[in-house]
N, C-alpha and C. Protein backbone atom coordinates (compact mmCIF):
# COMPACT_ATOMS: atom_id res chain seq x y z
N MET A 1 93.79 33.90 -22.92
CA MET A 1 94.63 34.27 -21.78
C MET A 1 93.76 34.48 -20.55
N GLY A 2 94.15 33.92 -19.41
CA GLY A 2 93.36 34.03 -18.20
C GLY A 2 93.47 35.41 -17.57
N LYS A 3 92.62 35.61 -16.60
CA LYS A 3 92.63 36.89 -15.90
C LYS A 3 93.83 36.97 -14.96
N SER A 4 94.25 38.18 -14.68
CA SER A 4 95.38 38.42 -13.79
C SER A 4 94.88 39.19 -12.57
N CYS A 5 95.79 39.40 -11.62
CA CYS A 5 95.43 40.24 -10.46
C CYS A 5 95.00 41.62 -10.92
N LEU A 6 95.70 42.16 -11.91
CA LEU A 6 95.38 43.50 -12.40
C LEU A 6 93.99 43.56 -13.00
N THR A 7 93.65 42.61 -13.88
CA THR A 7 92.34 42.65 -14.53
C THR A 7 91.22 42.46 -13.52
N ASN A 8 91.44 41.63 -12.52
CA ASN A 8 90.41 41.45 -11.48
C ASN A 8 90.24 42.73 -10.66
N LEU A 9 91.34 43.38 -10.32
CA LEU A 9 91.26 44.62 -9.55
C LEU A 9 90.59 45.72 -10.36
N VAL A 10 90.97 45.83 -11.63
CA VAL A 10 90.39 46.87 -12.50
C VAL A 10 88.88 46.66 -12.64
N ALA A 11 88.46 45.41 -12.88
CA ALA A 11 87.03 45.12 -13.04
C ALA A 11 86.25 45.44 -11.77
N PHE A 12 86.82 45.05 -10.63
CA PHE A 12 86.11 45.28 -9.37
C PHE A 12 86.01 46.76 -9.04
N TYR A 13 87.12 47.48 -9.15
CA TYR A 13 87.11 48.89 -8.76
C TYR A 13 86.47 49.78 -9.81
N ASP A 14 86.31 49.27 -11.02
CA ASP A 14 85.50 49.99 -12.00
C ASP A 14 84.05 50.04 -11.51
N GLY A 15 83.58 48.91 -10.97
CA GLY A 15 82.24 48.89 -10.40
C GLY A 15 82.11 49.74 -9.15
N VAL A 16 83.12 49.70 -8.30
CA VAL A 16 83.10 50.49 -7.06
C VAL A 16 83.08 51.99 -7.37
N THR A 17 83.96 52.43 -8.26
CA THR A 17 84.02 53.86 -8.59
C THR A 17 82.74 54.33 -9.28
N ALA A 18 82.11 53.45 -10.06
CA ALA A 18 80.84 53.82 -10.70
C ALA A 18 79.77 54.10 -9.65
N LEU A 19 79.73 53.28 -8.60
CA LEU A 19 78.77 53.50 -7.52
C LEU A 19 79.09 54.78 -6.74
N VAL A 20 80.38 55.00 -6.49
CA VAL A 20 80.80 56.21 -5.77
C VAL A 20 80.45 57.46 -6.57
N ASP A 21 80.66 57.41 -7.89
CA ASP A 21 80.33 58.56 -8.74
C ASP A 21 78.84 58.89 -8.70
N LYS A 22 78.02 57.88 -8.46
CA LYS A 22 76.57 58.10 -8.37
C LYS A 22 76.14 58.53 -6.97
N GLY A 23 77.12 58.63 -6.06
CA GLY A 23 76.81 59.06 -4.71
C GLY A 23 76.20 57.98 -3.85
N ARG A 24 76.35 56.73 -4.24
CA ARG A 24 75.76 55.63 -3.49
C ARG A 24 76.75 55.09 -2.46
N ALA A 25 76.24 54.77 -1.28
CA ALA A 25 77.09 54.19 -0.23
C ALA A 25 77.57 52.82 -0.69
N THR A 26 78.86 52.57 -0.53
CA THR A 26 79.44 51.32 -1.01
C THR A 26 80.28 50.70 0.10
N ASP A 27 79.95 49.48 0.46
CA ASP A 27 80.71 48.74 1.47
C ASP A 27 81.27 47.48 0.84
N VAL A 28 82.48 47.13 1.24
CA VAL A 28 83.13 45.92 0.74
C VAL A 28 83.49 45.05 1.93
N ILE A 29 83.12 43.79 1.88
CA ILE A 29 83.46 42.84 2.94
C ILE A 29 84.51 41.88 2.41
N TYR A 30 85.64 41.80 3.11
CA TYR A 30 86.72 40.90 2.72
C TYR A 30 86.72 39.68 3.64
N LEU A 31 86.78 38.51 3.04
CA LEU A 31 86.83 37.25 3.79
C LEU A 31 88.12 36.53 3.47
N ASP A 32 88.75 35.98 4.49
CA ASP A 32 89.96 35.19 4.29
C ASP A 32 89.56 33.73 4.11
N LEU A 33 89.32 33.34 2.86
CA LEU A 33 88.85 31.99 2.58
C LEU A 33 89.94 30.94 2.77
N CYS A 34 91.19 31.36 2.86
CA CYS A 34 92.28 30.39 3.06
C CYS A 34 92.14 29.66 4.39
N LYS A 35 91.44 30.26 5.34
CA LYS A 35 91.26 29.60 6.63
C LYS A 35 90.27 28.44 6.54
N ALA A 36 89.40 28.48 5.53
CA ALA A 36 88.42 27.41 5.38
C ALA A 36 88.75 26.49 4.22
N PHE A 37 89.42 27.02 3.23
CA PHE A 37 89.71 26.24 2.03
C PHE A 37 91.20 26.34 1.72
N ASP A 38 91.63 25.61 0.72
CA ASP A 38 93.03 25.61 0.33
C ASP A 38 93.18 26.16 -1.08
N THR A 39 94.35 26.69 -1.36
CA THR A 39 94.59 27.21 -2.70
C THR A 39 94.88 26.09 -3.70
N VAL A 40 95.23 24.91 -3.21
CA VAL A 40 95.49 23.76 -4.09
C VAL A 40 94.28 22.84 -4.07
N PRO A 41 93.67 22.53 -5.23
CA PRO A 41 92.53 21.62 -5.28
C PRO A 41 92.89 20.26 -4.68
N HIS A 42 92.03 19.69 -3.88
CA HIS A 42 92.33 18.45 -3.17
C HIS A 42 92.55 17.28 -4.13
N ASP A 43 91.79 17.23 -5.23
CA ASP A 43 91.95 16.13 -6.19
C ASP A 43 93.34 16.15 -6.82
N ILE A 44 93.81 17.34 -7.15
CA ILE A 44 95.15 17.46 -7.75
C ILE A 44 96.21 17.06 -6.74
N LEU A 45 96.03 17.48 -5.48
CA LEU A 45 96.98 17.12 -4.44
C LEU A 45 97.04 15.61 -4.26
N ALA A 46 95.87 14.95 -4.22
CA ALA A 46 95.83 13.49 -4.06
C ALA A 46 96.50 12.80 -5.23
N SER A 47 96.27 13.31 -6.44
CA SER A 47 96.89 12.72 -7.63
C SER A 47 98.40 12.84 -7.58
N LYS A 48 98.89 13.99 -7.13
CA LYS A 48 100.33 14.21 -7.02
C LYS A 48 100.94 13.27 -5.98
N LEU A 49 100.25 13.10 -4.86
CA LEU A 49 100.75 12.20 -3.81
C LEU A 49 100.82 10.77 -4.32
N GLU A 50 99.80 10.37 -5.09
CA GLU A 50 99.80 9.01 -5.66
C GLU A 50 100.96 8.84 -6.63
N THR A 51 101.22 9.88 -7.43
CA THR A 51 102.33 9.83 -8.39
C THR A 51 103.67 9.66 -7.67
N HIS A 52 103.78 10.25 -6.48
CA HIS A 52 105.03 10.17 -5.73
C HIS A 52 105.10 8.94 -4.83
N GLY A 53 104.17 8.01 -5.00
CA GLY A 53 104.29 6.73 -4.32
C GLY A 53 103.59 6.59 -2.99
N PHE A 54 102.76 7.55 -2.60
CA PHE A 54 102.02 7.41 -1.34
C PHE A 54 100.94 6.34 -1.48
N ASP A 55 100.76 5.55 -0.45
CA ASP A 55 99.76 4.48 -0.52
C ASP A 55 98.36 5.04 -0.33
N GLY A 56 97.36 4.24 -0.71
CA GLY A 56 95.97 4.69 -0.68
C GLY A 56 95.48 5.07 0.70
N TRP A 57 95.91 4.33 1.74
CA TRP A 57 95.47 4.62 3.10
C TRP A 57 95.94 6.01 3.53
N THR A 58 97.21 6.33 3.22
CA THR A 58 97.77 7.64 3.60
C THR A 58 97.07 8.77 2.86
N ILE A 59 96.82 8.55 1.55
CA ILE A 59 96.15 9.58 0.76
C ILE A 59 94.74 9.84 1.29
N GLN A 60 94.03 8.77 1.67
CA GLN A 60 92.67 8.93 2.20
C GLN A 60 92.70 9.63 3.55
N TRP A 61 93.72 9.33 4.36
CA TRP A 61 93.85 10.00 5.65
C TRP A 61 94.03 11.51 5.46
N ILE A 62 94.86 11.87 4.47
CA ILE A 62 95.08 13.29 4.18
C ILE A 62 93.79 13.92 3.67
N ARG A 63 93.05 13.21 2.81
CA ARG A 63 91.77 13.72 2.30
C ARG A 63 90.80 13.98 3.46
N ASN A 64 90.73 13.04 4.39
CA ASN A 64 89.82 13.21 5.52
C ASN A 64 90.18 14.43 6.36
N TRP A 65 91.46 14.72 6.41
CA TRP A 65 91.93 15.88 7.17
C TRP A 65 91.56 17.19 6.46
N LEU A 66 91.52 17.16 5.12
CA LEU A 66 91.29 18.37 4.34
C LEU A 66 89.81 18.64 4.08
N ASP A 67 89.06 17.59 3.78
CA ASP A 67 87.67 17.77 3.34
C ASP A 67 86.72 17.96 4.51
N GLY A 68 85.60 18.63 4.22
CA GLY A 68 84.52 18.73 5.19
C GLY A 68 84.73 19.74 6.30
N ARG A 69 85.71 20.61 6.15
CA ARG A 69 85.93 21.62 7.19
C ARG A 69 84.95 22.78 7.01
N THR A 70 84.66 23.45 8.07
CA THR A 70 83.75 24.60 8.02
C THR A 70 84.40 25.80 8.67
N GLN A 71 83.87 26.98 8.35
CA GLN A 71 84.34 28.22 8.95
C GLN A 71 83.13 29.02 9.39
N ARG A 72 83.19 29.61 10.55
CA ARG A 72 82.07 30.43 11.01
C ARG A 72 82.60 31.70 11.66
N VAL A 73 81.76 32.70 11.68
CA VAL A 73 82.08 33.96 12.33
C VAL A 73 81.37 33.97 13.68
N GLY A 74 82.09 34.34 14.72
CA GLY A 74 81.51 34.36 16.06
C GLY A 74 80.54 35.51 16.23
N GLY A 75 80.17 35.77 17.47
CA GLY A 75 79.17 36.79 17.75
C GLY A 75 79.71 38.21 17.74
N GLU A 76 81.02 38.38 17.52
CA GLU A 76 81.59 39.73 17.58
C GLU A 76 81.21 40.52 16.32
N TRP A 77 81.21 41.84 16.48
CA TRP A 77 80.91 42.73 15.36
C TRP A 77 82.08 42.77 14.40
N ILE A 78 81.76 42.90 13.12
CA ILE A 78 82.80 43.11 12.11
C ILE A 78 83.17 44.59 12.13
N GLU A 79 84.44 44.88 12.36
CA GLU A 79 84.87 46.27 12.50
C GLU A 79 85.11 46.91 11.13
N ASN A 80 84.81 48.20 11.07
CA ASN A 80 85.12 48.97 9.87
C ASN A 80 86.61 49.23 9.81
N SER A 81 87.14 49.25 8.61
CA SER A 81 88.55 49.56 8.42
C SER A 81 88.67 50.61 7.32
N PRO A 82 89.45 51.67 7.55
CA PRO A 82 89.57 52.72 6.53
C PRO A 82 90.39 52.29 5.32
N GLU A 83 91.13 51.19 5.45
CA GLU A 83 91.93 50.71 4.33
C GLU A 83 92.12 49.20 4.47
N GLU A 84 92.30 48.56 3.33
CA GLU A 84 92.44 47.11 3.33
C GLU A 84 93.24 46.69 2.10
N LYS A 85 93.98 45.59 2.25
CA LYS A 85 94.73 45.07 1.11
C LYS A 85 93.82 44.20 0.26
N ASP A 86 93.83 44.45 -1.03
CA ASP A 86 93.06 43.67 -1.99
C ASP A 86 94.02 43.16 -3.05
N LEU A 87 94.29 41.86 -3.03
CA LEU A 87 95.29 41.28 -3.94
C LEU A 87 96.61 42.04 -3.84
N ARG A 88 97.03 42.31 -2.61
CA ARG A 88 98.31 42.94 -2.28
C ARG A 88 98.35 44.44 -2.57
N VAL A 89 97.24 45.03 -2.96
CA VAL A 89 97.18 46.48 -3.18
C VAL A 89 96.38 47.10 -2.04
N LEU A 90 96.98 48.07 -1.35
CA LEU A 90 96.34 48.72 -0.22
C LEU A 90 95.40 49.81 -0.74
N VAL A 91 94.11 49.64 -0.48
CA VAL A 91 93.10 50.57 -0.98
C VAL A 91 92.46 51.31 0.19
N HIS A 92 92.41 52.63 0.08
CA HIS A 92 91.83 53.47 1.13
C HIS A 92 90.34 53.67 0.84
N GLU A 93 89.58 53.93 1.90
CA GLU A 93 88.13 54.11 1.74
C GLU A 93 87.78 55.30 0.84
N LYS A 94 88.69 56.26 0.72
CA LYS A 94 88.48 57.41 -0.16
C LYS A 94 89.02 57.15 -1.57
N LEU A 95 89.49 55.93 -1.80
CA LEU A 95 90.11 55.54 -3.08
C LEU A 95 91.34 56.38 -3.37
N ASN A 96 91.98 56.85 -2.31
CA ASN A 96 93.24 57.59 -2.43
C ASN A 96 94.39 56.59 -2.34
N MET A 97 95.31 56.64 -3.28
CA MET A 97 96.36 55.64 -3.36
C MET A 97 97.69 56.08 -2.74
N SER A 98 97.70 57.18 -2.00
CA SER A 98 98.95 57.66 -1.42
C SER A 98 99.56 56.66 -0.44
N ARG A 99 98.71 55.99 0.35
CA ARG A 99 99.23 55.01 1.31
C ARG A 99 99.84 53.82 0.59
N GLN A 100 99.26 53.41 -0.52
CA GLN A 100 99.83 52.31 -1.30
C GLN A 100 101.18 52.72 -1.87
N CYS A 101 101.31 53.95 -2.34
CA CYS A 101 102.59 54.45 -2.85
C CYS A 101 103.64 54.42 -1.75
N ALA A 102 103.27 54.88 -0.56
CA ALA A 102 104.21 54.90 0.57
C ALA A 102 104.61 53.49 0.96
N LEU A 103 103.65 52.57 0.94
CA LEU A 103 103.93 51.18 1.30
C LEU A 103 104.88 50.53 0.30
N ALA A 104 104.64 50.77 -0.99
CA ALA A 104 105.51 50.21 -2.03
C ALA A 104 106.93 50.75 -1.90
N ALA A 105 107.05 52.06 -1.67
CA ALA A 105 108.37 52.67 -1.52
C ALA A 105 109.08 52.13 -0.28
N HIS A 106 108.33 51.94 0.80
CA HIS A 106 108.92 51.43 2.04
C HIS A 106 109.47 50.02 1.84
N LYS A 107 108.71 49.16 1.19
CA LYS A 107 109.16 47.78 0.95
C LYS A 107 110.42 47.77 0.08
N ALA A 108 110.39 48.58 -0.99
CA ALA A 108 111.54 48.61 -1.90
C ALA A 108 112.77 49.17 -1.20
N ASN A 109 112.60 50.17 -0.35
CA ASN A 109 113.73 50.75 0.38
C ASN A 109 114.34 49.76 1.35
N ARG A 110 113.50 48.94 1.97
CA ARG A 110 114.02 47.91 2.88
C ARG A 110 114.88 46.90 2.11
N ILE A 111 114.42 46.52 0.94
CA ILE A 111 115.20 45.59 0.12
C ILE A 111 116.50 46.24 -0.33
N LEU A 112 116.44 47.52 -0.68
CA LEU A 112 117.65 48.24 -1.07
C LEU A 112 118.66 48.25 0.07
N GLY A 113 118.18 48.43 1.30
CA GLY A 113 119.06 48.39 2.45
C GLY A 113 119.74 47.04 2.60
N CYS A 114 119.00 45.96 2.37
CA CYS A 114 119.58 44.61 2.43
C CYS A 114 120.64 44.43 1.35
N ILE A 115 120.34 44.91 0.14
CA ILE A 115 121.31 44.81 -0.96
C ILE A 115 122.58 45.58 -0.62
N LYS A 116 122.41 46.77 -0.06
CA LYS A 116 123.55 47.62 0.28
C LYS A 116 124.45 46.96 1.32
N ARG A 117 123.83 46.30 2.29
CA ARG A 117 124.61 45.68 3.37
C ARG A 117 125.25 44.35 2.96
N SER A 118 124.69 43.69 1.97
CA SER A 118 125.15 42.34 1.64
C SER A 118 126.02 42.25 0.40
N THR A 119 126.30 43.37 -0.25
CA THR A 119 127.15 43.34 -1.45
C THR A 119 128.41 44.15 -1.22
N THR A 120 129.46 43.74 -1.87
CA THR A 120 130.73 44.47 -1.81
C THR A 120 131.11 44.90 -3.22
N GLY A 121 131.73 46.05 -3.32
CA GLY A 121 132.14 46.54 -4.63
C GLY A 121 131.03 47.20 -5.40
N ARG A 122 129.82 46.65 -5.31
CA ARG A 122 128.63 47.19 -5.94
C ARG A 122 128.78 47.45 -7.43
N PRO A 123 129.23 46.45 -8.19
CA PRO A 123 129.32 46.63 -9.64
C PRO A 123 127.93 46.62 -10.28
N LYS A 124 127.86 47.18 -11.47
CA LYS A 124 126.58 47.23 -12.19
C LYS A 124 126.03 45.84 -12.44
N GLU A 125 126.93 44.89 -12.72
CA GLU A 125 126.51 43.53 -13.05
C GLU A 125 125.80 42.83 -11.88
N VAL A 126 126.02 43.33 -10.67
CA VAL A 126 125.38 42.75 -9.48
C VAL A 126 124.15 43.56 -9.07
N ILE A 127 124.32 44.88 -8.94
CA ILE A 127 123.26 45.73 -8.40
C ILE A 127 122.06 45.81 -9.33
N LEU A 128 122.30 45.95 -10.63
CA LEU A 128 121.19 46.14 -11.57
C LEU A 128 120.24 44.95 -11.61
N PRO A 129 120.75 43.70 -11.72
CA PRO A 129 119.82 42.56 -11.68
C PRO A 129 119.07 42.44 -10.35
N LEU A 130 119.75 42.75 -9.24
CA LEU A 130 119.09 42.68 -7.95
C LEU A 130 117.97 43.71 -7.86
N TYR A 131 118.23 44.90 -8.36
CA TYR A 131 117.21 45.95 -8.35
C TYR A 131 116.01 45.55 -9.22
N SER A 132 116.31 45.08 -10.43
CA SER A 132 115.23 44.73 -11.37
C SER A 132 114.40 43.57 -10.86
N THR A 133 115.05 42.62 -10.18
CA THR A 133 114.35 41.40 -9.75
C THR A 133 113.60 41.58 -8.45
N PHE A 134 114.22 42.22 -7.47
CA PHE A 134 113.65 42.23 -6.13
C PHE A 134 113.00 43.55 -5.71
N MET A 135 113.39 44.66 -6.33
CA MET A 135 112.87 45.95 -5.89
C MET A 135 111.77 46.49 -6.80
N ARG A 136 112.02 46.44 -8.10
CA ARG A 136 111.11 47.11 -9.02
C ARG A 136 109.72 46.48 -9.03
N LEU A 137 109.64 45.19 -8.72
CA LEU A 137 108.32 44.55 -8.71
C LEU A 137 107.41 45.17 -7.66
N HIS A 138 107.97 45.64 -6.54
CA HIS A 138 107.16 46.31 -5.52
C HIS A 138 106.72 47.69 -5.99
N LEU A 139 107.55 48.33 -6.79
CA LEU A 139 107.24 49.68 -7.25
C LEU A 139 106.26 49.69 -8.41
N GLU A 140 106.12 48.54 -9.10
CA GLU A 140 105.31 48.52 -10.32
C GLU A 140 104.19 47.49 -10.31
N TYR A 141 104.05 46.72 -9.24
CA TYR A 141 103.01 45.70 -9.20
C TYR A 141 101.62 46.34 -9.28
N CYS A 142 100.89 46.05 -10.34
CA CYS A 142 99.53 46.56 -10.56
C CYS A 142 99.47 48.09 -10.50
N ILE A 143 100.55 48.75 -10.89
CA ILE A 143 100.60 50.21 -10.80
C ILE A 143 99.60 50.86 -11.75
N GLN A 144 99.14 50.12 -12.77
CA GLN A 144 98.12 50.66 -13.66
C GLN A 144 96.83 50.95 -12.91
N LEU A 145 96.62 50.28 -11.78
CA LEU A 145 95.45 50.55 -10.94
C LEU A 145 95.72 51.67 -9.95
N TRP A 146 96.85 51.57 -9.24
CA TRP A 146 97.09 52.50 -8.13
C TRP A 146 98.11 53.58 -8.46
N GLY A 147 98.43 53.76 -9.73
CA GLY A 147 99.43 54.74 -10.13
C GLY A 147 99.27 56.07 -9.40
N PRO A 148 100.38 56.70 -9.01
CA PRO A 148 100.33 57.93 -8.20
C PRO A 148 99.40 58.99 -8.78
N GLN A 149 98.56 59.53 -7.93
CA GLN A 149 97.64 60.60 -8.33
C GLN A 149 98.27 61.97 -8.12
N TYR A 150 99.28 62.01 -7.26
CA TYR A 150 99.92 63.29 -6.92
C TYR A 150 101.40 63.23 -7.24
N GLU A 151 101.95 64.39 -7.55
CA GLU A 151 103.37 64.48 -7.91
C GLU A 151 104.25 64.01 -6.75
N LYS A 152 103.84 64.32 -5.52
CA LYS A 152 104.65 63.92 -4.36
C LYS A 152 104.74 62.39 -4.25
N ASP A 153 103.68 61.69 -4.64
CA ASP A 153 103.71 60.23 -4.58
C ASP A 153 104.61 59.65 -5.66
N MET A 154 104.55 60.24 -6.86
CA MET A 154 105.43 59.79 -7.93
C MET A 154 106.88 60.03 -7.56
N GLU A 155 107.16 61.16 -6.93
CA GLU A 155 108.52 61.47 -6.50
C GLU A 155 108.99 60.50 -5.43
N LEU A 156 108.07 60.08 -4.56
CA LEU A 156 108.42 59.11 -3.52
C LEU A 156 108.90 57.80 -4.13
N LEU A 157 108.23 57.34 -5.17
CA LEU A 157 108.65 56.11 -5.85
C LEU A 157 109.94 56.34 -6.63
N GLU A 158 110.02 57.47 -7.31
CA GLU A 158 111.20 57.75 -8.13
C GLU A 158 112.45 57.84 -7.28
N ARG A 159 112.29 58.32 -6.05
CA ARG A 159 113.42 58.47 -5.15
C ARG A 159 114.08 57.12 -4.85
N VAL A 160 113.28 56.06 -4.85
CA VAL A 160 113.83 54.72 -4.60
C VAL A 160 114.76 54.32 -5.73
N GLN A 161 114.31 54.50 -6.97
CA GLN A 161 115.17 54.15 -8.11
C GLN A 161 116.38 55.07 -8.16
N ARG A 162 116.20 56.32 -7.76
CA ARG A 162 117.33 57.26 -7.73
C ARG A 162 118.41 56.76 -6.77
N ARG A 163 118.00 56.29 -5.61
CA ARG A 163 118.96 55.77 -4.62
C ARG A 163 119.62 54.49 -5.12
N ALA A 164 118.82 53.62 -5.76
CA ALA A 164 119.36 52.35 -6.23
C ALA A 164 120.42 52.55 -7.31
N THR A 165 120.17 53.45 -8.24
CA THR A 165 121.14 53.69 -9.31
C THR A 165 122.39 54.39 -8.79
N LYS A 166 122.23 55.19 -7.75
CA LYS A 166 123.39 55.88 -7.17
C LYS A 166 124.28 54.92 -6.39
N LEU A 167 123.74 53.77 -6.05
CA LEU A 167 124.50 52.76 -5.31
C LEU A 167 125.58 52.11 -6.18
N ILE A 168 125.41 52.15 -7.49
CA ILE A 168 126.31 51.44 -8.40
C ILE A 168 127.66 52.16 -8.48
N ARG A 169 128.70 51.38 -8.37
CA ARG A 169 130.06 51.91 -8.38
C ARG A 169 130.35 52.62 -9.71
N GLY A 170 130.92 53.82 -9.60
CA GLY A 170 131.30 54.58 -10.77
C GLY A 170 130.24 55.54 -11.26
N LEU A 171 129.01 55.42 -10.75
CA LEU A 171 127.93 56.30 -11.20
C LEU A 171 127.49 57.28 -10.12
N GLU A 172 128.19 57.25 -8.98
CA GLU A 172 127.75 58.03 -7.82
C GLU A 172 127.66 59.52 -8.10
N HIS A 173 128.56 60.04 -8.94
CA HIS A 173 128.65 61.49 -9.13
C HIS A 173 127.89 61.97 -10.36
N LEU A 174 127.23 61.06 -11.06
CA LEU A 174 126.44 61.45 -12.23
C LEU A 174 125.05 61.89 -11.80
N SER A 175 124.41 62.69 -12.63
CA SER A 175 123.03 63.06 -12.36
C SER A 175 122.12 61.85 -12.56
N TYR A 176 120.92 61.92 -12.04
CA TYR A 176 119.99 60.80 -12.16
C TYR A 176 119.72 60.45 -13.62
N GLU A 177 119.50 61.48 -14.44
CA GLU A 177 119.23 61.24 -15.86
C GLU A 177 120.41 60.57 -16.55
N ASP A 178 121.63 60.99 -16.20
CA ASP A 178 122.82 60.37 -16.81
C ASP A 178 122.99 58.93 -16.33
N ARG A 179 122.66 58.67 -15.08
CA ARG A 179 122.75 57.29 -14.58
C ARG A 179 121.77 56.39 -15.32
N LEU A 180 120.57 56.87 -15.52
CA LEU A 180 119.58 56.09 -16.27
C LEU A 180 120.08 55.81 -17.68
N ARG A 181 120.67 56.81 -18.29
CA ARG A 181 121.18 56.64 -19.66
C ARG A 181 122.30 55.60 -19.70
N GLN A 182 123.19 55.66 -18.73
CA GLN A 182 124.29 54.70 -18.67
C GLN A 182 123.80 53.27 -18.46
N LEU A 183 122.71 53.12 -17.72
CA LEU A 183 122.20 51.80 -17.37
C LEU A 183 121.13 51.30 -18.33
N GLY A 184 120.71 52.16 -19.26
CA GLY A 184 119.67 51.76 -20.19
C GLY A 184 118.30 51.64 -19.55
N LEU A 185 118.04 52.49 -18.55
CA LEU A 185 116.77 52.45 -17.83
C LEU A 185 115.93 53.69 -18.16
N PHE A 186 114.63 53.56 -17.95
CA PHE A 186 113.72 54.69 -18.01
C PHE A 186 113.36 55.10 -16.59
N SER A 187 112.90 56.32 -16.43
CA SER A 187 112.37 56.72 -15.13
C SER A 187 111.12 55.91 -14.85
N LEU A 188 110.76 55.77 -13.58
CA LEU A 188 109.56 55.02 -13.23
C LEU A 188 108.31 55.68 -13.79
N GLU A 189 108.33 57.00 -13.89
CA GLU A 189 107.17 57.70 -14.46
C GLU A 189 106.97 57.33 -15.92
N LYS A 190 108.07 57.26 -16.68
CA LYS A 190 107.95 56.86 -18.09
C LYS A 190 107.53 55.41 -18.21
N ARG A 191 108.05 54.55 -17.34
CA ARG A 191 107.66 53.14 -17.37
C ARG A 191 106.18 52.97 -17.02
N LYS A 192 105.68 53.81 -16.11
CA LYS A 192 104.26 53.76 -15.76
C LYS A 192 103.40 54.13 -16.96
N ILE A 193 103.80 55.16 -17.68
CA ILE A 193 103.05 55.57 -18.87
C ILE A 193 103.09 54.48 -19.93
N GLN A 194 104.28 53.92 -20.15
CA GLN A 194 104.43 52.85 -21.13
C GLN A 194 103.57 51.64 -20.76
N GLY A 195 103.64 51.24 -19.49
CA GLY A 195 102.84 50.10 -19.04
C GLY A 195 101.35 50.35 -19.17
N GLY A 196 100.93 51.58 -18.87
CA GLY A 196 99.52 51.93 -19.01
C GLY A 196 99.04 51.86 -20.44
N LEU A 197 99.88 52.30 -21.38
CA LEU A 197 99.52 52.24 -22.80
C LEU A 197 99.40 50.80 -23.28
N ILE A 198 100.32 49.95 -22.80
CA ILE A 198 100.28 48.53 -23.18
C ILE A 198 99.00 47.88 -22.68
N ILE A 199 98.65 48.14 -21.42
CA ILE A 199 97.44 47.56 -20.85
C ILE A 199 96.20 48.10 -21.56
N ALA A 200 96.19 49.40 -21.87
CA ALA A 200 95.05 49.98 -22.59
C ALA A 200 94.87 49.31 -23.95
N PHE A 201 95.98 49.05 -24.63
CA PHE A 201 95.91 48.35 -25.93
C PHE A 201 95.33 46.95 -25.75
N GLN A 202 95.77 46.26 -24.70
CA GLN A 202 95.26 44.90 -24.46
C GLN A 202 93.76 44.91 -24.18
N TYR A 203 93.29 45.96 -23.51
CA TYR A 203 91.86 46.07 -23.23
C TYR A 203 91.07 46.44 -24.49
N LEU A 204 91.67 47.23 -25.36
CA LEU A 204 90.95 47.70 -26.55
C LEU A 204 91.06 46.74 -27.73
N LYS A 205 92.26 46.17 -27.92
CA LYS A 205 92.50 45.37 -29.13
C LYS A 205 93.06 43.98 -28.85
N GLY A 206 93.62 43.78 -27.67
CA GLY A 206 94.40 42.57 -27.43
C GLY A 206 93.71 41.53 -26.58
N ALA A 207 94.50 40.93 -25.68
CA ALA A 207 94.05 39.76 -24.93
C ALA A 207 92.87 40.03 -24.01
N TYR A 208 92.73 41.26 -23.53
CA TYR A 208 91.65 41.58 -22.58
C TYR A 208 90.51 42.35 -23.24
N LYS A 209 90.39 42.21 -24.56
CA LYS A 209 89.41 43.02 -25.30
C LYS A 209 87.99 42.82 -24.79
N LYS A 210 87.62 41.57 -24.49
CA LYS A 210 86.26 41.30 -24.01
C LYS A 210 86.01 41.97 -22.67
N ALA A 211 87.01 41.90 -21.78
CA ALA A 211 86.87 42.52 -20.47
C ALA A 211 86.86 44.04 -20.57
N GLY A 212 87.47 44.58 -21.62
CA GLY A 212 87.57 46.02 -21.76
C GLY A 212 86.36 46.69 -22.37
N GLU A 213 85.40 45.89 -22.86
CA GLU A 213 84.24 46.48 -23.52
C GLU A 213 83.45 47.40 -22.61
N GLY A 214 83.38 47.08 -21.33
CA GLY A 214 82.63 47.92 -20.41
C GLY A 214 83.44 49.02 -19.78
N LEU A 215 84.76 49.06 -20.07
CA LEU A 215 85.62 50.05 -19.42
C LEU A 215 85.75 51.34 -20.21
N PHE A 216 85.47 51.28 -21.51
CA PHE A 216 85.69 52.44 -22.37
C PHE A 216 84.38 52.83 -23.05
N TYR A 217 84.26 54.10 -23.33
CA TYR A 217 83.06 54.58 -24.02
C TYR A 217 83.02 54.04 -25.44
N LYS A 218 81.81 53.83 -25.93
CA LYS A 218 81.64 53.29 -27.28
C LYS A 218 82.26 54.20 -28.32
N GLY A 219 82.29 55.50 -28.03
CA GLY A 219 82.82 56.45 -29.00
C GLY A 219 84.29 56.26 -29.27
N MET A 220 85.01 55.56 -28.34
CA MET A 220 86.44 55.35 -28.54
C MET A 220 86.66 54.28 -29.60
């Protein structure tokens, strides 16, 4: 099984936190390689174009446009930034994840607003799939890395699911716990714990066992 965004983030920040724990100054430089290179390999693109009937002259013209490009940094200074997105996860210079929690909740709340404005009747059969598909991914993407460190951050995320379940017709007057029971859902906190245990197993015994050898003490 190949590496994922989560495994890459975990491996990288395991090294960063190890340096921080030793009291060593740690700087990270982020480069936007998409400006110089493409995410699609040029050979594969050319092969696909040929399959779809493009002639050799056109394919070569496209190749000439793509290959041989360069990128350079001008004479300006590279500015320090207290936070930066790394594979869509906002990381603060203090390794505090509160801003990432707020950002995830903000994105999910915006989607909830769109769902609220664009649906009528709000039956469970409509709202629940929309929530699971479009909202929860923002609340749980790589959460094993940035999972809330403070109760207030966990509550901020939980509040989004609380609002989403209250939107469903017929459940408005039930408590949050009763709504979850009716819908067959777990709280986000329980899902975070469950997801963390699954990932830990994959690092110790499963697909990511090799990558996990350096993450856990030998005594485990």
